[in-house]
């Protein structure tokens, strides 16, 4: 029971902070790659370059999905351990991030398949 009280005193664990920062980095990097792809399309980048940017965006988005799913699990577990309502905010942010990453991943893969030819 003493260990449970010690866990309640911890604000956020190192793993939760690491997951949040990694998710934020991957989200911002994916937005950067999307902007790079759109601006490269208007500026007539080479097809191979656009394909590389799109593949990099897909890989980044896949990593974001994995870290967002881990963040969802961590926020639920930490809510039940510490009984703080602030973890529900993290939960909904990670849900949004998961939905965003799934949508952009399917969009990027669809564009990549269409660009290569059906």
N, C-alpha and C. Protein backbone atom coordinates (compact mmCIF):
# COMPACT_ATOMS: atom_id res chain seq x y z
N UNK A 1 0.82 -1.19 0.00
CA UNK A 1 0.00 0.00 0.00
C UNK A 1 0.87 1.25 0.00
N UNK A 2 2.05 1.15 0.60
CA UNK A 2 2.95 2.29 0.64
C UNK A 2 3.46 2.64 -0.76
N UNK A 3 3.69 1.62 -1.57
CA UNK A 3 4.16 1.88 -2.93
C UNK A 3 3.08 2.57 -3.76
N UNK A 4 1.82 2.27 -3.49
CA UNK A 4 0.73 2.94 -4.19
C UNK A 4 0.67 4.42 -3.82
N UNK A 5 0.93 4.74 -2.57
CA UNK A 5 0.95 6.15 -2.15
C UNK A 5 2.12 6.89 -2.79
N UNK A 6 3.25 6.21 -2.95
CA UNK A 6 4.39 6.84 -3.62
C UNK A 6 4.08 7.10 -5.09
N UNK A 7 3.36 6.18 -5.73
CA UNK A 7 3.00 6.38 -7.13
C UNK A 7 2.04 7.55 -7.29
N UNK A 8 1.17 7.78 -6.33
CA UNK A 8 0.23 8.90 -6.41
C UNK A 8 0.94 10.24 -6.30
N UNK A 9 2.08 10.28 -5.62
CA UNK A 9 2.80 11.53 -5.45
C UNK A 9 3.58 11.91 -6.70
N UNK A 10 3.86 10.96 -7.57
CA UNK A 10 4.60 11.25 -8.79
C UNK A 10 3.69 12.00 -9.75
N UNK A 11 4.14 13.14 -10.20
CA UNK A 11 3.32 13.92 -11.13
C UNK A 11 3.16 13.21 -12.46
N UNK A 12 4.25 13.05 -13.15
CA UNK A 12 4.26 12.31 -14.40
C UNK A 12 5.55 11.52 -14.45
N UNK A 13 5.47 10.32 -14.92
CA UNK A 13 6.65 9.48 -14.97
C UNK A 13 7.55 9.89 -16.13
N UNK A 14 8.78 9.41 -16.07
CA UNK A 14 9.74 9.70 -17.14
C UNK A 14 9.25 9.12 -18.47
N UNK A 15 8.67 7.94 -18.42
CA UNK A 15 8.18 7.30 -19.64
C UNK A 15 7.03 8.10 -20.26
N UNK A 16 6.16 8.66 -19.42
CA UNK A 16 5.05 9.46 -19.93
C UNK A 16 5.56 10.75 -20.57
N UNK A 17 6.57 11.37 -19.96
CA UNK A 17 7.16 12.58 -20.55
C UNK A 17 7.85 12.26 -21.87
N UNK A 18 8.56 11.14 -21.90
CA UNK A 18 9.26 10.73 -23.12
C UNK A 18 8.27 10.44 -24.25
N UNK A 19 7.19 9.79 -23.93
CA UNK A 19 6.16 9.50 -24.93
C UNK A 19 5.53 10.79 -25.45
N UNK A 20 5.25 11.72 -24.56
CA UNK A 20 4.66 12.99 -24.98
C UNK A 20 5.58 13.81 -25.86
N UNK A 21 6.83 13.87 -25.49
CA UNK A 21 7.78 14.66 -26.28
C UNK A 21 8.06 14.01 -27.63
N UNK A 22 8.14 12.69 -27.65
CA UNK A 22 8.35 12.00 -28.91
C UNK A 22 7.13 12.16 -29.82
N UNK A 23 5.95 12.08 -29.26
CA UNK A 23 4.74 12.27 -30.06
C UNK A 23 4.67 13.69 -30.61
N UNK A 24 5.03 14.66 -29.81
CA UNK A 24 5.03 16.05 -30.28
C UNK A 24 6.05 16.23 -31.40
N UNK A 25 7.24 15.67 -31.25
CA UNK A 25 8.26 15.77 -32.30
C UNK A 25 7.78 15.12 -33.59
N UNK A 26 7.23 13.92 -33.49
CA UNK A 26 6.77 13.21 -34.69
C UNK A 26 5.60 13.93 -35.34
N UNK A 27 4.72 14.53 -34.55
CA UNK A 27 3.60 15.29 -35.11
C UNK A 27 4.11 16.51 -35.87
N UNK A 28 5.02 17.27 -35.27
CA UNK A 28 5.54 18.46 -35.93
C UNK A 28 6.37 18.10 -37.16
N UNK A 29 7.12 17.01 -37.08
CA UNK A 29 7.92 16.57 -38.23
C UNK A 29 7.02 16.10 -39.37
N UNK A 30 5.92 15.45 -39.04
CA UNK A 30 5.00 15.02 -40.10
C UNK A 30 4.31 16.22 -40.75
N UNK A 31 3.97 17.23 -39.95
CA UNK A 31 3.39 18.45 -40.53
C UNK A 31 4.41 19.12 -41.45
N UNK A 32 5.67 19.15 -41.03
CA UNK A 32 6.73 19.71 -41.87
C UNK A 32 6.84 18.94 -43.19
N UNK A 33 6.80 17.61 -43.12
CA UNK A 33 6.91 16.81 -44.34
C UNK A 33 5.70 16.99 -45.25
N UNK A 34 4.53 17.17 -44.67
CA UNK A 34 3.34 17.42 -45.48
C UNK A 34 3.45 18.76 -46.20
N UNK A 35 3.90 19.78 -45.47
CA UNK A 35 4.09 21.10 -46.09
C UNK A 35 5.17 21.03 -47.16
N UNK A 36 6.23 20.28 -46.90
CA UNK A 36 7.30 20.11 -47.90
C UNK A 36 6.77 19.40 -49.14
N UNK A 37 5.93 18.40 -48.96
CA UNK A 37 5.37 17.69 -50.11
C UNK A 37 4.46 18.61 -50.94
N UNK A 38 3.61 19.37 -50.26
CA UNK A 38 2.69 20.26 -50.98
C UNK A 38 3.45 21.36 -51.70
N UNK A 39 4.42 21.97 -51.02
CA UNK A 39 5.19 23.02 -51.68
C UNK A 39 6.08 22.45 -52.78
N UNK A 40 6.56 21.23 -52.60
CA UNK A 40 7.35 20.59 -53.64
C UNK A 40 6.53 20.24 -54.86
N UNK A 41 5.27 19.94 -54.67
CA UNK A 41 4.40 19.67 -55.81
C UNK A 41 4.19 20.93 -56.64
N UNK A 42 4.04 22.06 -55.97
CA UNK A 42 3.85 23.32 -56.70
C UNK A 42 5.14 23.83 -57.33
N UNK A 43 6.28 23.49 -56.76
CA UNK A 43 7.55 23.97 -57.28
C UNK A 43 8.22 22.97 -58.22
N UNK A 44 7.51 21.96 -58.60
CA UNK A 44 7.98 20.95 -59.56
C UNK A 44 9.25 20.24 -59.10
N UNK A 45 9.21 19.67 -57.89
CA UNK A 45 10.29 18.80 -57.45
C UNK A 45 10.29 17.55 -58.33
N UNK A 46 11.40 16.84 -58.35
CA UNK A 46 11.46 15.59 -59.09
C UNK A 46 10.50 14.57 -58.48
N UNK A 47 10.04 13.66 -59.31
CA UNK A 47 9.12 12.64 -58.82
C UNK A 47 9.76 11.76 -57.75
N UNK A 48 11.03 11.46 -57.92
CA UNK A 48 11.71 10.62 -56.93
C UNK A 48 11.83 11.34 -55.59
N UNK A 49 12.03 12.64 -55.63
CA UNK A 49 12.12 13.41 -54.40
C UNK A 49 10.77 13.46 -53.68
N UNK A 50 9.71 13.68 -54.44
CA UNK A 50 8.38 13.70 -53.85
C UNK A 50 8.00 12.33 -53.29
N UNK A 51 8.42 11.27 -53.98
CA UNK A 51 8.15 9.93 -53.49
C UNK A 51 8.91 9.67 -52.19
N UNK A 52 10.15 10.16 -52.10
CA UNK A 52 10.93 10.01 -50.88
C UNK A 52 10.29 10.78 -49.72
N UNK A 53 9.84 11.99 -49.98
CA UNK A 53 9.18 12.79 -48.94
C UNK A 53 7.90 12.11 -48.48
N UNK A 54 7.15 11.56 -49.41
CA UNK A 54 5.91 10.87 -49.06
C UNK A 54 6.17 9.59 -48.27
N UNK A 55 7.21 8.85 -48.64
CA UNK A 55 7.57 7.64 -47.89
C UNK A 55 8.07 8.00 -46.49
N UNK A 56 8.85 9.07 -46.39
CA UNK A 56 9.31 9.52 -45.07
C UNK A 56 8.15 9.97 -44.20
N UNK A 57 7.19 10.63 -44.82
CA UNK A 57 5.99 11.06 -44.09
C UNK A 57 5.20 9.86 -43.59
N UNK A 58 5.09 8.83 -44.41
CA UNK A 58 4.37 7.62 -43.99
C UNK A 58 5.06 6.94 -42.82
N UNK A 59 6.38 6.86 -42.87
CA UNK A 59 7.13 6.24 -41.77
C UNK A 59 7.00 7.05 -40.49
N UNK A 60 7.06 8.36 -40.61
CA UNK A 60 6.92 9.23 -39.45
C UNK A 60 5.52 9.11 -38.85
N UNK A 61 4.52 9.07 -39.70
CA UNK A 61 3.14 8.95 -39.24
C UNK A 61 2.91 7.60 -38.56
N UNK A 62 3.54 6.56 -39.08
CA UNK A 62 3.41 5.24 -38.45
C UNK A 62 4.01 5.25 -37.05
N UNK A 63 5.17 5.90 -36.90
CA UNK A 63 5.76 6.06 -35.57
C UNK A 63 4.88 6.88 -34.64
N UNK A 64 4.26 7.92 -35.18
CA UNK A 64 3.35 8.74 -34.39
C UNK A 64 2.15 7.93 -33.91
N UNK A 65 1.65 7.06 -34.77
CA UNK A 65 0.52 6.21 -34.37
C UNK A 65 0.90 5.28 -33.23
N UNK A 66 2.08 4.70 -33.31
CA UNK A 66 2.54 3.78 -32.26
C UNK A 66 2.71 4.52 -30.93
N UNK A 67 3.35 5.69 -30.97
CA UNK A 67 3.56 6.44 -29.74
C UNK A 67 2.26 7.02 -29.19
N UNK A 68 1.33 7.35 -30.07
CA UNK A 68 0.02 7.83 -29.59
C UNK A 68 -0.76 6.72 -28.92
N UNK A 69 -0.68 5.52 -29.48
CA UNK A 69 -1.35 4.38 -28.85
C UNK A 69 -0.74 4.09 -27.48
N UNK A 70 0.59 4.20 -27.39
CA UNK A 70 1.25 4.01 -26.09
C UNK A 70 0.84 5.11 -25.12
N UNK A 71 0.69 6.34 -25.60
CA UNK A 71 0.26 7.44 -24.75
C UNK A 71 -1.16 7.26 -24.25
N UNK A 72 -2.02 6.69 -25.09
CA UNK A 72 -3.39 6.41 -24.65
C UNK A 72 -3.38 5.42 -23.50
N UNK A 73 -2.63 4.35 -23.66
CA UNK A 73 -2.55 3.34 -22.59
C UNK A 73 -1.95 3.91 -21.32
N UNK A 74 -0.90 4.70 -21.45
CA UNK A 74 -0.26 5.29 -20.27
C UNK A 74 -1.18 6.26 -19.56
N UNK A 75 -1.92 7.07 -20.31
CA UNK A 75 -2.80 8.05 -19.66
C UNK A 75 -3.94 7.35 -18.92
N UNK A 76 -4.45 6.26 -19.47
CA UNK A 76 -5.51 5.52 -18.78
C UNK A 76 -4.97 4.89 -17.50
N UNK A 77 -3.80 4.25 -17.60
CA UNK A 77 -3.21 3.60 -16.43
C UNK A 77 -2.86 4.63 -15.36
N UNK A 78 -2.27 5.74 -15.76
CA UNK A 78 -1.91 6.77 -14.78
C UNK A 78 -3.14 7.44 -14.18
N UNK A 79 -4.23 7.51 -14.92
CA UNK A 79 -5.46 8.05 -14.34
C UNK A 79 -5.96 7.15 -13.22
N UNK A 80 -5.96 5.84 -13.47
CA UNK A 80 -6.46 4.92 -12.45
C UNK A 80 -5.52 4.83 -11.26
N UNK A 81 -4.23 5.07 -11.46
CA UNK A 81 -3.29 5.04 -10.34
C UNK A 81 -3.39 6.31 -9.51
N UNK A 82 -3.36 7.47 -10.18
CA UNK A 82 -3.27 8.73 -9.44
C UNK A 82 -4.61 9.43 -9.25
N UNK A 83 -5.65 9.03 -9.97
CA UNK A 83 -6.99 9.63 -9.87
C UNK A 83 -6.99 11.13 -10.19
N UNK A 84 -6.11 11.55 -11.09
CA UNK A 84 -6.09 12.95 -11.53
C UNK A 84 -6.85 13.07 -12.84
N UNK A 85 -7.69 14.08 -12.91
CA UNK A 85 -8.50 14.27 -14.10
C UNK A 85 -7.70 14.85 -15.26
N UNK A 86 -6.52 15.36 -15.00
CA UNK A 86 -5.72 15.94 -16.07
C UNK A 86 -5.25 14.89 -17.08
N UNK A 87 -5.23 13.63 -16.68
CA UNK A 87 -4.81 12.59 -17.61
C UNK A 87 -5.86 12.34 -18.69
N UNK A 88 -7.11 12.74 -18.43
CA UNK A 88 -8.12 12.62 -19.47
C UNK A 88 -7.86 13.60 -20.60
N UNK A 89 -7.28 14.75 -20.30
CA UNK A 89 -6.91 15.70 -21.34
C UNK A 89 -5.85 15.08 -22.25
N UNK A 90 -4.85 14.46 -21.63
CA UNK A 90 -3.83 13.76 -22.41
C UNK A 90 -4.45 12.63 -23.24
N UNK A 91 -5.41 11.94 -22.64
CA UNK A 91 -6.09 10.85 -23.33
C UNK A 91 -6.74 11.34 -24.61
N UNK A 92 -7.48 12.45 -24.55
CA UNK A 92 -8.16 12.97 -25.74
C UNK A 92 -7.18 13.56 -26.75
N UNK A 93 -6.08 14.13 -26.29
CA UNK A 93 -5.06 14.62 -27.22
C UNK A 93 -4.43 13.45 -27.97
N UNK A 94 -4.16 12.36 -27.26
CA UNK A 94 -3.59 11.19 -27.92
C UNK A 94 -4.60 10.52 -28.85
N UNK A 95 -5.88 10.55 -28.50
CA UNK A 95 -6.91 10.03 -29.41
C UNK A 95 -6.93 10.84 -30.70
N UNK A 96 -6.90 12.18 -30.57
CA UNK A 96 -6.85 13.04 -31.75
C UNK A 96 -5.62 12.75 -32.59
N UNK A 97 -4.49 12.57 -31.92
CA UNK A 97 -3.25 12.28 -32.63
C UNK A 97 -3.32 10.94 -33.35
N UNK A 98 -3.94 9.96 -32.74
CA UNK A 98 -4.10 8.64 -33.37
C UNK A 98 -4.99 8.74 -34.61
N UNK A 99 -6.09 9.45 -34.50
CA UNK A 99 -7.00 9.60 -35.64
C UNK A 99 -6.33 10.39 -36.75
N UNK A 100 -5.62 11.46 -36.39
CA UNK A 100 -4.88 12.25 -37.38
C UNK A 100 -3.85 11.40 -38.10
N UNK A 101 -3.09 10.63 -37.34
CA UNK A 101 -2.03 9.84 -37.96
C UNK A 101 -2.59 8.73 -38.84
N UNK A 102 -3.69 8.11 -38.44
CA UNK A 102 -4.29 7.07 -39.27
C UNK A 102 -4.82 7.66 -40.58
N UNK A 103 -5.47 8.82 -40.49
CA UNK A 103 -6.00 9.46 -41.69
C UNK A 103 -4.91 9.89 -42.65
N UNK A 104 -3.88 10.53 -42.13
CA UNK A 104 -2.79 11.00 -42.98
C UNK A 104 -2.00 9.83 -43.55
N UNK A 105 -1.85 8.76 -42.77
CA UNK A 105 -1.13 7.58 -43.28
C UNK A 105 -1.85 6.98 -44.48
N UNK A 106 -3.17 6.80 -44.37
CA UNK A 106 -3.91 6.24 -45.50
C UNK A 106 -3.92 7.19 -46.69
N UNK A 107 -3.98 8.48 -46.43
CA UNK A 107 -3.92 9.46 -47.52
C UNK A 107 -2.56 9.42 -48.22
N UNK A 108 -1.49 9.37 -47.44
CA UNK A 108 -0.14 9.34 -48.02
C UNK A 108 0.09 8.06 -48.81
N UNK A 109 -0.36 6.94 -48.29
CA UNK A 109 -0.18 5.68 -49.01
C UNK A 109 -1.03 5.65 -50.28
N UNK A 110 -2.22 6.24 -50.23
CA UNK A 110 -3.06 6.30 -51.42
C UNK A 110 -2.42 7.16 -52.50
N UNK A 111 -1.89 8.30 -52.11
CA UNK A 111 -1.20 9.18 -53.06
C UNK A 111 0.01 8.47 -53.64
N UNK A 112 0.74 7.75 -52.81
CA UNK A 112 1.92 7.03 -53.28
C UNK A 112 1.55 5.93 -54.28
N UNK A 113 0.48 5.21 -54.01
CA UNK A 113 0.05 4.15 -54.93
C UNK A 113 -0.43 4.74 -56.25
N UNK A 114 -1.17 5.83 -56.18
CA UNK A 114 -1.66 6.47 -57.40
C UNK A 114 -0.49 7.06 -58.20
N UNK A 115 0.51 7.61 -57.52
CA UNK A 115 1.65 8.20 -58.21
C UNK A 115 2.49 7.14 -58.92
N UNK A 116 2.56 5.94 -58.35
CA UNK A 116 3.34 4.88 -59.00
C UNK A 116 2.58 4.25 -60.15
N UNK A 117 1.29 4.39 -60.17
CA UNK A 117 0.46 3.80 -61.22
C UNK A 117 -0.23 2.56 -60.70
N UNK A 118 -1.48 2.47 -61.00
CA UNK A 118 -2.28 1.35 -60.47
C UNK A 118 -2.07 0.12 -61.26
